[in-house]
Every structure is written in structure tokens, then in C-alpha cells.
């Protein structure tokens, strides 16, 4: 082995999870083919997948899957793949898929899926689409999620609102907001009905509830579309109505999200945009008598724009250079059958990406609103983050734009115009690089 190859191998080996040594890389003692599987999950989510892995290992005697929980998987997986020692299977977020595929770090799964008889109609359409990029299949779904309006029923009743009739439109949301907001004699905000900045995780995508999009096709940034301008004028209305300083003072009193001091649990905020995983935090941190409801987050035009939600999905992929792609895909296929998938989703308190569920799935599920989240994911207005390689920078830029709007440093129009200019230039650069490598890569992908 040359010095260069030795250094590259040693560097990549250092990226492997603790406990994964050379002996494990060479095979199992019982003669099975060992599949190394890395995923980002920890805690009960990792335990749920570990149980599915154990079932797979017990179901046959040819393949043994070795599951490892890996921190910073997006970085470590890319480095291990570049170093020539990737795992056979990895779990990534859907937003990573464009970057990994354009960097030729993933194995296309088109032929493997076709040979296995995998039917796209078996999946909720949006999650199957999230596994594709540039006309190729790169992944199979693992556990998905989507977001919705989560609201405090007790606060609704105390404000004279019907707890079983949440707002349907942005106009109704703001009417509810006024009734739910409480101020001290000095004008200090003590509680608020809703504020987009709590928790602010999807600040880059508020345009979805106004009929907007962030990208047209894969080459044109649309931050300044009329729909997006309307969305961020709505965001701008909060500091204008309530006062930026008073909103900041209110938020300074909020506790940590994963704690009993979460402002939604303590009654400081009555309505939030949150994902299906909120059940786990309510079960662990909210008061025992906490009453909550779930509904589609209101849109600006509910008669024509209904059931809008942002969907996310964990994906299973095979990195380029994996030693056992056929066996790796066999495991991925197993996870994507109804029984194992439902066991995984029950263990992680999520819904299944498959089109059909067993009746017992809902009976066993601890989240009383899991059907609501599932139906939202099936909506024509269920939308993921844009599938472009620049979304990480674009999203960060949008969040900075919201900060500028919030603090009065820029109007919605000004902040979005700045984002449009920067991100179009960024996407153009990425496209130039892609077009240089496209002929070679697409030919290679089609031959696999």
C-alpha cells in the first residue's frame, strides 16, 4: 500500500463510529455477509431501528446487519465515502439528497428497485418523490413527518373560543391571536396567541401557506414572488402590531424547547407550528392535564389552498463504494415492508410513508392525532423543502431575512430582494459546476 493510500485509508477509518473495528469490517464469525449500517438516530429512535435490525437478522441466515448510531452523519458519511470506506447502508435527511447525488456519493437504486418489484404506488406520493433526484432513485423512505397547527385547548376555552374549532385562515388565526394575547397594565406581553418566531424552525418556508414556492424548476430562485412577499409582510406585521421590543422581552422569558419550561407547555404561547414528534415532548414535559389539539396550519386562502404542510423524511441510501450493495438493498427492502415499517414508526412515534396501514397501527399508536398528520402528508399541498443543492445556504439566508424584518432593519420586500440576488447567483454557480460533470455522471448512473 502506498503512503498516500495508507493515509487515506487511515483517515477514513478514524471517521468510523467507536467500536467498529477491522475485525467487524471483514465479516461475521458465523459466515454471514456483514452489512454496516450508519444512522443519525439516538435514544428511543435508535432503539426502534435496532429492534427492526434484530428482527431482520433473525429472519434469515445470510446477512447480518450491524447498526451504529453516528453523530454528524452528513459530514462523516461524505468523508468516509471519499476515503473509500463507506458503510453499506446509511440514514440521511432528505435535504441531503441533492448534494450527495451531485457529488457522486450515492449508488442509484433504479435497477435494484425494479428487480425487487418495488411499486411507487405503495408509497405516499410526496415521500417517493423525495427519494428521487435528476430522474434517478437514490433512496427508500424510513420514517417521515410533517407539521401542523398545535394548539392549547384550555387557553382557547379561557379566551371564549371553541376548542374544537381552530382557525382555518390566516385572518382567523390573527383574530384568535388577539383574543388569546394578554398584556400587563404597563403593556408588557404576558401571553400571546401565536408568533411565527416560536420556535421559528421553518422561517424560510412561510410562503407555502400563501401559495408561494422558493424555486421554479431547479434553476430559478423565486424568493420575491408576490406570494412570498405577502407571507413575509404577514411576518412583518408582528413587530409592527405587538412591538419588536415587547416581543423580544416575551421570548426572553421562554424556556428550552425540550423542558417543562417550553412556552407552549407553560401557557405563554397558545398556538405553534410543530411536527408530529411534538407528542414525545408533551408526554415527557407537559403538565399531566395538558389539553392539546392538532389541525392544518391556516393558509391565507383556505377555500383554494387547504391542508398545507411541510413534509420531511429520513432516507435509507447506499453510498458509492459500498462492499455489499445487493445485500444492503435487501435490508432496505425489508424495512420498507409493512410489518417492519410500522414497527419502526410506532417505536419512533411517527406515521408510515406507505400508502396503506394496518388497522392495528392506529390502535397501538400513542399519538392520538397521528391520523391527522398522516392525512396532511397525503394532501396535494404537502410539500418538502426545495430539492436543490443550495437549499442549506438559501434557508439560512431566509432565516437571516426574517431577523432583519423582525428587527426593522429591512422591509419584507427589501429583505427578500437581497436573498433573491444572493441565492440566484449561488444557484447559477452550482449549475455551472453541475453542467460540467453532468454528461459523465448521468452516463455512469444510467449504466448502474
Protein backbone atom coordinates (compact mmCIF):
# COMPACT_ATOMS: atom_id res chain seq x y z
CA UNK A 1 0.00 0.00 0.00
CA UNK A 2 1.43 3.38 -1.00
CA UNK A 3 1.84 6.11 1.62
CA UNK A 4 -0.99 8.10 0.03
CA UNK A 5 -3.42 5.18 0.02
CA UNK A 6 -2.45 4.25 3.57
CA UNK A 7 -3.08 7.80 4.80
CA UNK A 8 -6.40 7.99 3.02
CA UNK A 9 -7.48 4.65 4.49
CA UNK A 10 -6.33 5.61 7.99
CA UNK A 11 -8.08 8.99 7.79
CA UNK A 12 -11.36 7.42 6.70
CA UNK A 13 -11.07 4.67 9.31
CA UNK A 14 -10.83 7.32 12.03
CA UNK A 15 -14.26 8.54 10.98
CA UNK A 16 -15.92 5.24 11.81
CA UNK A 17 -18.07 5.04 14.96
CA UNK A 18 -16.38 3.88 18.13
CA UNK A 19 -16.30 0.11 18.41
CA UNK A 20 -16.38 -0.52 14.67
CA UNK A 21 -13.03 -2.16 14.06
CA UNK A 22 -11.21 -4.04 11.32
CA UNK A 23 -12.47 -7.41 12.51
CA UNK A 24 -16.05 -6.23 12.06
CA UNK A 25 -15.27 -4.97 8.58
CA UNK A 26 -14.04 -8.40 7.47
CA UNK A 27 -17.19 -10.41 8.21
CA UNK A 28 -19.19 -12.16 10.89
CA UNK A 29 -17.95 -15.21 12.76
CA UNK A 30 -20.92 -17.27 11.58
CA UNK A 31 -20.06 -16.71 7.92
CA UNK A 32 -22.83 -14.27 7.10
CA UNK A 33 -22.24 -11.21 4.95
CA UNK A 34 -21.93 -8.27 7.34
CA UNK A 35 -23.75 -5.09 6.37
CA UNK A 36 -22.53 -1.97 8.13
CA UNK A 37 -25.39 0.46 8.70
CA UNK A 38 -24.89 4.01 9.99
CA UNK A 39 -27.73 6.26 11.07
CA UNK A 40 -28.11 9.54 12.92
CA UNK A 41 -30.70 8.36 15.43
CA UNK A 42 -30.08 8.23 19.16
CA UNK A 43 -32.19 7.37 22.21
CA UNK A 44 -35.59 5.77 21.65
CA UNK A 45 -35.39 6.39 17.89
CA UNK A 46 -32.18 4.37 17.65
CA UNK A 47 -33.74 1.67 19.86
CA UNK A 48 -36.69 1.43 17.46
CA UNK A 49 -34.43 0.81 14.46
CA UNK A 50 -32.23 -1.54 16.46
CA UNK A 51 -35.29 -3.71 17.14
CA UNK A 52 -36.07 -3.85 13.39
CA UNK A 53 -32.44 -4.72 12.63
CA UNK A 54 -32.58 -7.55 15.19
CA UNK A 55 -35.74 -8.88 13.55
CA UNK A 56 -34.09 -8.83 10.14
CA UNK A 57 -31.00 -10.62 11.43
CA UNK A 58 -33.21 -13.30 12.99
CA UNK A 59 -35.33 -13.70 9.85
CA UNK A 60 -32.57 -15.27 7.70
CA UNK A 61 -29.04 -16.68 7.94
CA UNK A 62 -27.25 -15.00 5.01
CA UNK A 63 -26.93 -11.34 6.04
CA UNK A 64 -26.06 -9.73 9.36
CA UNK A 65 -26.74 -6.00 9.75
CA UNK A 66 -24.53 -4.14 12.18
CA UNK A 67 -26.26 -0.95 13.33
CA UNK A 68 -24.26 2.07 14.53
CA UNK A 69 -25.55 5.43 15.74
CA UNK A 70 -23.31 8.12 14.21
CA UNK A 71 -23.17 11.78 15.14
CA UNK A 72 -22.66 14.43 12.41
CA UNK A 73 -23.57 11.80 9.87
CA UNK A 74 -23.83 14.23 6.94
CA UNK A 75 -20.17 15.18 7.33
CA UNK A 76 -18.79 11.81 8.38
CA UNK A 77 -20.60 9.86 5.68
CA UNK A 78 -19.26 12.12 2.94
CA UNK A 79 -15.72 11.85 4.29
CA UNK A 80 -15.90 8.07 4.70
CA UNK A 81 -17.24 7.71 1.17
CA UNK A 82 -14.48 9.94 -0.23
CA UNK A 83 -11.96 7.88 1.75
CA UNK A 84 -13.16 4.63 0.20
CA UNK A 85 -14.56 3.01 3.38
CA UNK A 86 -18.26 3.89 3.45
CA UNK A 87 -20.89 1.86 5.28
CA UNK A 88 -23.16 -0.35 3.19
CA UNK A 89 -26.33 1.49 4.25
CA UNK A 90 -26.75 4.95 5.73
CA UNK A 91 -29.63 7.03 7.01
CA UNK A 92 -29.67 10.65 5.87
CA UNK A 93 -32.14 13.53 5.79
CA UNK A 94 -33.98 14.17 2.53
CA UNK A 95 -32.47 17.65 2.29
CA UNK A 96 -29.03 16.00 1.94
CA UNK A 97 -30.01 14.01 -1.14
CA UNK A 98 -29.28 16.59 -3.91
CA UNK A 99 -25.82 17.36 -2.52
CA UNK A 100 -24.87 13.70 -2.07
CA UNK A 101 -26.10 12.65 -5.51
CA UNK A 102 -24.46 15.52 -7.42
CA UNK A 103 -21.21 14.75 -5.61
CA UNK A 104 -21.49 11.14 -6.84
CA UNK A 105 -21.58 9.84 -3.27
CA UNK A 106 -24.64 7.59 -3.66
CA UNK A 107 -25.50 4.45 -5.61
CA UNK A 108 -28.53 4.83 -7.91
CA UNK A 109 -31.21 2.32 -6.93
CA UNK A 110 -33.32 2.24 -10.11
CA UNK A 111 -32.38 -1.29 -11.20
CA UNK A 112 -32.30 -2.70 -7.69
CA UNK A 113 -35.79 -1.36 -7.02
CA UNK A 114 -37.11 -2.55 -10.36
CA UNK A 115 -35.69 -6.05 -9.86
CA UNK A 116 -37.19 -6.18 -6.36
CA UNK A 117 -40.62 -5.30 -7.72
CA UNK A 118 -40.92 -2.16 -5.62
CA UNK A 119 -44.04 -0.29 -6.64
CA UNK A 120 -44.06 3.50 -6.26
CA UNK A 121 -47.83 3.35 -5.78
CA UNK A 122 -47.24 1.63 -2.44
CA UNK A 123 -45.91 4.93 -1.03
CA UNK A 124 -47.47 8.25 -0.13
CA UNK A 125 -46.51 10.18 -3.29
CA UNK A 126 -44.55 13.01 -1.68
CA UNK A 127 -42.21 10.59 0.11
CA UNK A 128 -41.48 8.57 -3.01
CA UNK A 129 -40.74 11.81 -4.85
CA UNK A 130 -38.31 12.83 -2.09
CA UNK A 131 -36.26 9.69 -2.86
CA UNK A 132 -35.69 10.85 -6.45
CA UNK A 133 -33.40 13.45 -7.94
CA UNK A 134 -32.42 14.18 -11.54
CA UNK A 135 -34.55 11.33 -12.86
CA UNK A 136 -32.98 8.65 -10.67
CA UNK A 137 -33.99 6.84 -7.49
CA UNK A 138 -31.41 7.27 -4.74
CA UNK A 139 -33.14 6.17 -1.56
CA UNK A 140 -36.01 4.37 0.09
CA UNK A 141 -38.01 6.09 2.82
CA UNK A 142 -37.54 5.46 6.50
CA UNK A 143 -39.68 7.44 8.97
CA UNK A 144 -41.44 10.62 7.77
CA UNK A 145 -43.01 13.61 9.49
CA UNK A 146 -45.00 16.73 8.71
CA UNK A 147 -46.12 19.80 10.62
CA UNK A 148 -49.45 21.28 11.65
CA UNK A 149 -51.08 23.81 13.96
CA UNK A 150 -50.74 22.58 17.54
CA UNK A 151 -52.93 24.49 19.97
CA UNK A 152 -53.74 24.70 23.69
CA UNK A 153 -57.42 23.83 24.20
CA UNK A 154 -57.57 25.19 27.75
CA UNK A 155 -56.34 28.60 26.59
CA UNK A 156 -58.97 28.54 23.83
CA UNK A 157 -61.77 27.96 26.34
CA UNK A 158 -60.47 30.66 28.71
CA UNK A 159 -60.48 33.14 25.80
CA UNK A 160 -64.07 32.24 24.84
CA UNK A 161 -63.01 30.22 21.77
CA UNK A 162 -64.37 26.82 20.81
CA UNK A 163 -61.51 24.35 21.42
CA UNK A 164 -62.84 22.09 18.69
CA UNK A 165 -62.88 24.80 16.02
CA UNK A 166 -59.32 26.02 15.37
CA UNK A 167 -58.68 28.80 12.83
CA UNK A 168 -58.79 27.90 9.14
CA UNK A 169 -57.35 31.06 7.59
CA UNK A 170 -54.54 33.46 8.39
CA UNK A 171 -57.20 36.12 9.06
CA UNK A 172 -58.91 33.83 11.59
CA UNK A 173 -55.55 32.97 13.14
CA UNK A 174 -54.90 36.65 13.81
CA UNK A 175 -58.44 37.16 15.18
CA UNK A 176 -57.81 34.26 17.57
CA UNK A 177 -54.40 35.73 18.31
CA UNK A 178 -55.92 38.96 19.60
CA UNK A 179 -58.31 37.09 21.90
CA UNK A 180 -55.56 34.84 23.26
CA UNK A 181 -52.96 37.57 23.87
CA UNK A 182 -52.68 39.00 27.38
CA UNK A 183 -50.88 42.20 28.40
CA UNK A 184 -49.95 43.63 31.77
CA UNK A 185 -51.13 47.08 32.90
CA UNK A 186 -47.88 48.50 31.56
CA UNK A 187 -48.45 46.91 28.15
CA UNK A 188 -45.93 44.11 28.62
CA UNK A 189 -46.85 40.92 26.74
CA UNK A 190 -47.57 38.12 29.18
CA UNK A 191 -49.02 35.56 26.75
CA UNK A 192 -49.57 35.53 23.02
CA UNK A 193 -51.80 33.52 20.75
CA UNK A 194 -49.22 32.89 18.07
CA UNK A 195 -45.87 34.24 16.98
CA UNK A 196 -44.00 32.96 13.88
CA UNK A 197 -40.68 33.06 15.71
CA UNK A 198 -41.77 30.36 18.18
CA UNK A 199 -39.98 28.15 17.51
CA UNK A 200 -39.10 29.55 14.06
CA UNK A 201 -37.77 26.30 12.64
CA UNK A 202 -39.48 26.80 9.27
CA UNK A 203 -38.98 30.55 8.88
CA UNK A 204 -37.65 30.04 5.37
CA UNK A 205 -40.87 28.44 4.11
CA UNK A 206 -43.77 30.61 5.31
CA UNK A 207 -44.57 31.30 1.65
CA UNK A 208 -46.07 27.81 1.31
CA UNK A 209 -49.17 28.91 3.29
CA UNK A 210 -49.63 31.81 0.89
CA UNK A 211 -49.34 29.72 -2.28
CA UNK A 212 -45.68 30.52 -2.86
CA UNK A 213 -42.65 28.44 -3.77
CA UNK A 214 -38.95 29.01 -3.26
CA UNK A 215 -37.67 27.66 -6.58
CA UNK A 216 -39.13 27.35 -10.07
CA UNK A 217 -37.86 24.16 -11.63
CA UNK A 218 -34.31 23.64 -10.45
CA UNK A 219 -32.72 26.86 -11.71
CA UNK A 220 -34.74 29.95 -10.78
CA UNK A 221 -35.00 31.37 -7.28
CA UNK A 222 -38.45 32.79 -6.51
CA UNK A 223 -37.92 34.48 -3.14
CA UNK A 224 -39.52 37.71 -4.41
CA UNK A 225 -42.70 36.16 -5.82
CA UNK A 226 -45.91 38.03 -4.85
CA UNK A 227 -46.94 35.09 -2.67
CA UNK A 228 -43.68 35.15 -0.72
CA UNK A 229 -43.83 38.91 -0.33
CA UNK A 230 -47.35 38.53 1.12
CA UNK A 231 -46.13 35.84 3.52
CA UNK A 232 -43.27 37.92 4.86
CA UNK A 233 -45.41 41.05 5.09
CA UNK A 234 -47.52 38.91 7.44
CA UNK A 235 -44.37 38.08 9.42
CA UNK A 236 -43.53 41.81 9.43
CA UNK A 237 -46.97 42.60 10.87
CA UNK A 238 -45.97 41.03 14.22
CA UNK A 239 -43.31 43.54 15.31
CA UNK A 240 -45.48 46.30 13.84
CA UNK A 241 -48.55 45.25 15.87
CA UNK A 242 -47.00 44.00 19.08
CA UNK A 243 -43.72 45.90 19.14
CA UNK A 244 -40.34 44.32 18.42
CA UNK A 245 -39.01 45.12 21.90
CA UNK A 246 -42.06 43.66 23.62
CA UNK A 247 -41.89 40.50 21.51
CA UNK A 248 -38.21 40.16 22.35
CA UNK A 249 -38.95 40.62 26.06
CA UNK A 250 -41.66 37.95 25.84
CA UNK A 251 -39.36 35.48 24.10
CA UNK A 252 -36.57 36.16 26.60
CA UNK A 253 -38.81 34.55 29.20
CA UNK A 254 -39.32 31.36 27.20
CA UNK A 255 -37.71 28.15 28.45
CA UNK A 256 -35.95 25.44 26.47
CA UNK A 257 -37.96 23.52 23.91
CA UNK A 258 -37.19 20.12 25.46
CA UNK A 259 -38.17 21.03 29.00
CA UNK A 260 -41.21 21.72 31.22
CA UNK A 261 -40.46 25.42 30.61
CA UNK A 262 -41.32 25.15 26.90
CA UNK A 263 -43.55 28.24 26.39
CA UNK A 264 -46.28 26.17 24.76
CA UNK A 265 -46.45 23.90 27.81
CA UNK A 266 -46.43 26.80 30.28
CA UNK A 267 -49.24 28.69 28.53
CA UNK A 268 -47.11 31.58 27.25
CA UNK A 269 -47.96 30.72 23.62
CA UNK A 270 -51.32 29.19 22.62
CA UNK A 271 -50.66 28.09 19.01
CA UNK A 272 -47.48 26.84 17.34
CA UNK A 273 -46.37 25.27 14.08
CA UNK A 274 -44.87 21.92 15.03
CA UNK A 275 -44.26 18.41 13.77
CA UNK A 276 -45.77 15.06 14.63
CA UNK A 277 -42.93 14.47 17.10
CA UNK A 278 -44.44 17.07 19.47
CA UNK A 279 -46.27 14.18 21.14
CA UNK A 280 -42.97 12.90 22.56
CA UNK A 281 -42.24 16.26 24.20
CA UNK A 282 -45.78 16.67 25.50
CA UNK A 283 -45.62 13.18 27.05
CA UNK A 284 -42.28 13.95 28.71
CA UNK A 285 -42.53 17.61 29.70
CA UNK A 286 -46.10 18.99 29.61
CA UNK A 287 -48.36 19.03 32.69
CA UNK A 288 -50.38 15.86 33.20
CA UNK A 289 -53.66 17.68 32.46
CA UNK A 290 -52.37 19.41 29.34
CA UNK A 291 -55.06 19.56 26.63
CA UNK A 292 -53.95 19.98 23.04
CA UNK A 293 -55.35 19.77 19.56
CA UNK A 294 -53.99 19.38 16.03
CA UNK A 295 -55.27 20.90 12.79
CA UNK A 296 -53.86 22.02 9.44
CA UNK A 297 -51.95 25.27 9.87
CA UNK A 298 -54.15 28.04 8.39
CA UNK A 299 -53.47 29.33 4.90
CA UNK A 300 -54.27 32.77 3.53
CA UNK A 301 -56.99 31.29 1.27
CA UNK A 302 -58.44 28.09 2.76
CA UNK A 303 -61.09 27.75 0.05
CA UNK A 304 -58.38 27.22 -2.58
CA UNK A 305 -55.29 26.33 -0.53
CA UNK A 306 -56.09 23.65 2.02
CA UNK A 307 -54.08 21.26 4.17
CA UNK A 308 -50.71 22.87 3.56
CA UNK A 309 -47.87 21.15 5.40
CA UNK A 310 -44.10 20.84 5.20
CA UNK A 311 -43.05 17.21 4.97
CA UNK A 312 -39.70 15.77 5.96
CA UNK A 313 -38.35 12.25 5.68
CA UNK A 314 -35.44 10.14 6.84
CA UNK A 315 -33.98 8.20 3.92
CA UNK A 316 -32.00 4.99 3.57
CA UNK A 317 -29.23 5.11 0.95
CA UNK A 318 -26.33 3.01 -0.32
CA UNK A 319 -23.10 5.05 -0.55
CA UNK A 320 -20.84 4.72 -3.58
CA UNK A 321 -18.16 2.13 -2.87
CA UNK A 322 -20.33 0.04 -0.52
CA UNK A 323 -18.97 -3.51 -0.49
CA UNK A 324 -22.33 -5.27 -0.44
CA UNK A 325 -24.94 -3.23 -2.33
CA UNK A 326 -27.22 -6.19 -3.15
CA UNK A 327 -27.38 -7.32 0.48
CA UNK A 328 -27.72 -3.72 1.65
CA UNK A 329 -30.73 -3.24 -0.62
CA UNK A 330 -32.27 -6.46 0.66
CA UNK A 331 -32.22 -4.99 4.17
CA UNK A 332 -33.65 -1.67 2.94
CA UNK A 333 -36.41 -3.57 1.14
CA UNK A 334 -37.20 -5.44 4.35
CA UNK A 335 -37.54 -2.17 6.30
CA UNK A 336 -39.94 -0.92 3.61
CA UNK A 337 -42.41 -3.78 4.05
CA UNK A 338 -45.49 -3.07 6.12
CA UNK A 339 -44.72 -5.01 9.29
CA UNK A 340 -41.15 -3.76 9.88
CA UNK A 341 -42.00 -0.21 8.76
CA UNK A 342 -44.95 0.01 11.14
CA UNK A 343 -42.84 -1.37 13.98
CA UNK A 344 -40.20 1.28 13.28
CA UNK A 345 -42.73 4.10 13.04
CA UNK A 346 -44.53 3.01 16.21
CA UNK A 347 -41.21 2.90 18.05
CA UNK A 348 -40.33 6.41 16.84
CA UNK A 349 -43.93 7.69 17.34
CA UNK A 350 -44.27 8.64 13.67
CA UNK A 351 -46.59 7.65 10.82
CA UNK A 352 -45.71 5.32 7.97
CA UNK A 353 -44.62 6.54 4.50
CA UNK A 354 -46.53 3.61 2.98
CA UNK A 355 -49.88 4.27 1.33
CA UNK A 356 -51.74 1.70 3.45
CA UNK A 357 -51.52 0.99 7.17
CA UNK A 358 -52.73 -1.92 9.26
CA UNK A 359 -55.78 -1.11 11.42
CA UNK A 360 -53.77 -2.13 14.46
CA UNK A 361 -51.17 0.55 13.70
CA UNK A 362 -53.52 3.34 14.74
CA UNK A 363 -54.89 1.38 17.68
CA UNK A 364 -51.37 0.87 19.02
CA UNK A 365 -50.05 4.35 18.28
CA UNK A 366 -49.65 6.55 21.39
CA UNK A 367 -50.18 9.84 19.49
CA UNK A 368 -53.96 10.46 19.44
CA UNK A 369 -53.59 12.75 16.41
CA UNK A 370 -51.37 10.56 14.24
CA UNK A 371 -54.16 10.13 11.65
CA UNK A 372 -54.34 13.91 11.25
CA UNK A 373 -50.63 14.10 10.46
CA UNK A 374 -50.90 11.14 8.07
CA UNK A 375 -53.78 12.72 6.17
CA UNK A 376 -51.88 16.00 5.92
CA UNK A 377 -48.93 14.13 4.39
CA UNK A 378 -51.30 12.77 1.73
CA UNK A 379 -52.52 16.27 0.83
CA UNK A 380 -51.72 17.70 -2.62
CA UNK A 381 -50.31 20.65 -0.68
CA UNK A 382 -47.86 18.54 1.30
CA UNK A 383 -44.51 19.99 0.26
CA UNK A 384 -40.88 19.32 1.13
CA UNK A 385 -38.07 21.83 1.22
CA UNK A 386 -36.80 22.61 -2.32
CA UNK A 387 -34.68 19.82 -3.79
CA UNK A 388 -31.71 21.98 -4.79
CA UNK A 389 -28.09 21.67 -3.74
CA UNK A 390 -28.07 25.22 -2.38
CA UNK A 391 -31.04 24.85 -0.03
CA UNK A 392 -28.82 24.90 3.08
CA UNK A 393 -27.44 28.34 2.23
CA UNK A 394 -30.79 29.55 0.87
CA UNK A 395 -32.64 28.53 4.03
CA UNK A 396 -30.05 30.20 6.26
CA UNK A 397 -30.35 33.36 4.17
CA UNK A 398 -34.14 33.31 4.55
CA UNK A 399 -33.84 32.97 8.31
CA UNK A 400 -31.50 35.95 8.38
CA UNK A 401 -34.03 37.86 6.27
CA UNK A 402 -36.71 37.15 8.88
CA UNK A 403 -34.40 38.53 11.57
CA UNK A 404 -33.92 41.71 9.54
CA UNK A 405 -37.68 42.03 9.04
CA UNK A 406 -38.33 41.33 12.71
CA UNK A 407 -35.91 43.96 13.95
CA UNK A 408 -36.99 46.60 11.43
CA UNK A 409 -33.66 46.55 9.60
CA UNK A 410 -35.48 45.86 6.32
CA UNK A 411 -38.97 45.58 4.93
CA UNK A 412 -40.20 42.23 3.61
CA UNK A 413 -39.62 43.43 0.05
CA UNK A 414 -36.08 44.63 0.78
CA UNK A 415 -35.02 41.52 2.68
CA UNK A 416 -36.40 39.16 0.04
CA UNK A 417 -34.81 41.13 -2.80
CA UNK A 418 -31.41 40.72 -1.13
CA UNK A 419 -31.98 36.99 -0.74
CA UNK A 420 -33.10 36.71 -4.37
CA UNK A 421 -29.94 38.34 -5.66
CA UNK A 422 -27.52 36.34 -3.50
CA UNK A 423 -29.19 32.97 -3.91
CA UNK A 424 -29.74 33.22 -7.65
CA UNK A 425 -26.04 33.90 -8.06
CA UNK A 426 -25.24 30.97 -5.76
CA UNK A 427 -27.54 28.59 -7.65
CA UNK A 428 -26.14 29.74 -11.02
CA UNK A 429 -22.62 28.86 -9.84
CA UNK A 430 -23.74 25.41 -8.73
CA UNK A 431 -25.47 24.83 -12.06
CA UNK A 432 -22.34 25.75 -13.98
CA UNK A 433 -20.40 23.19 -11.98
CA UNK A 434 -23.14 20.58 -12.44
CA UNK A 435 -23.27 21.05 -16.20
CA UNK A 436 -19.53 20.38 -16.42
CA UNK A 437 -19.89 17.00 -14.70
CA UNK A 438 -23.40 16.09 -15.90
CA UNK A 439 -22.50 14.08 -19.06
CA UNK A 440 -20.11 11.76 -17.24
CA UNK A 441 -22.26 11.32 -14.15
CA UNK A 442 -25.56 10.72 -15.89
CA UNK A 443 -23.96 8.14 -18.18
CA UNK A 444 -22.45 6.37 -15.17
CA UNK A 445 -25.75 6.41 -13.24
CA UNK A 446 -27.69 5.00 -16.19
CA UNK A 447 -25.25 2.11 -16.53
CA UNK A 448 -25.58 1.01 -12.89
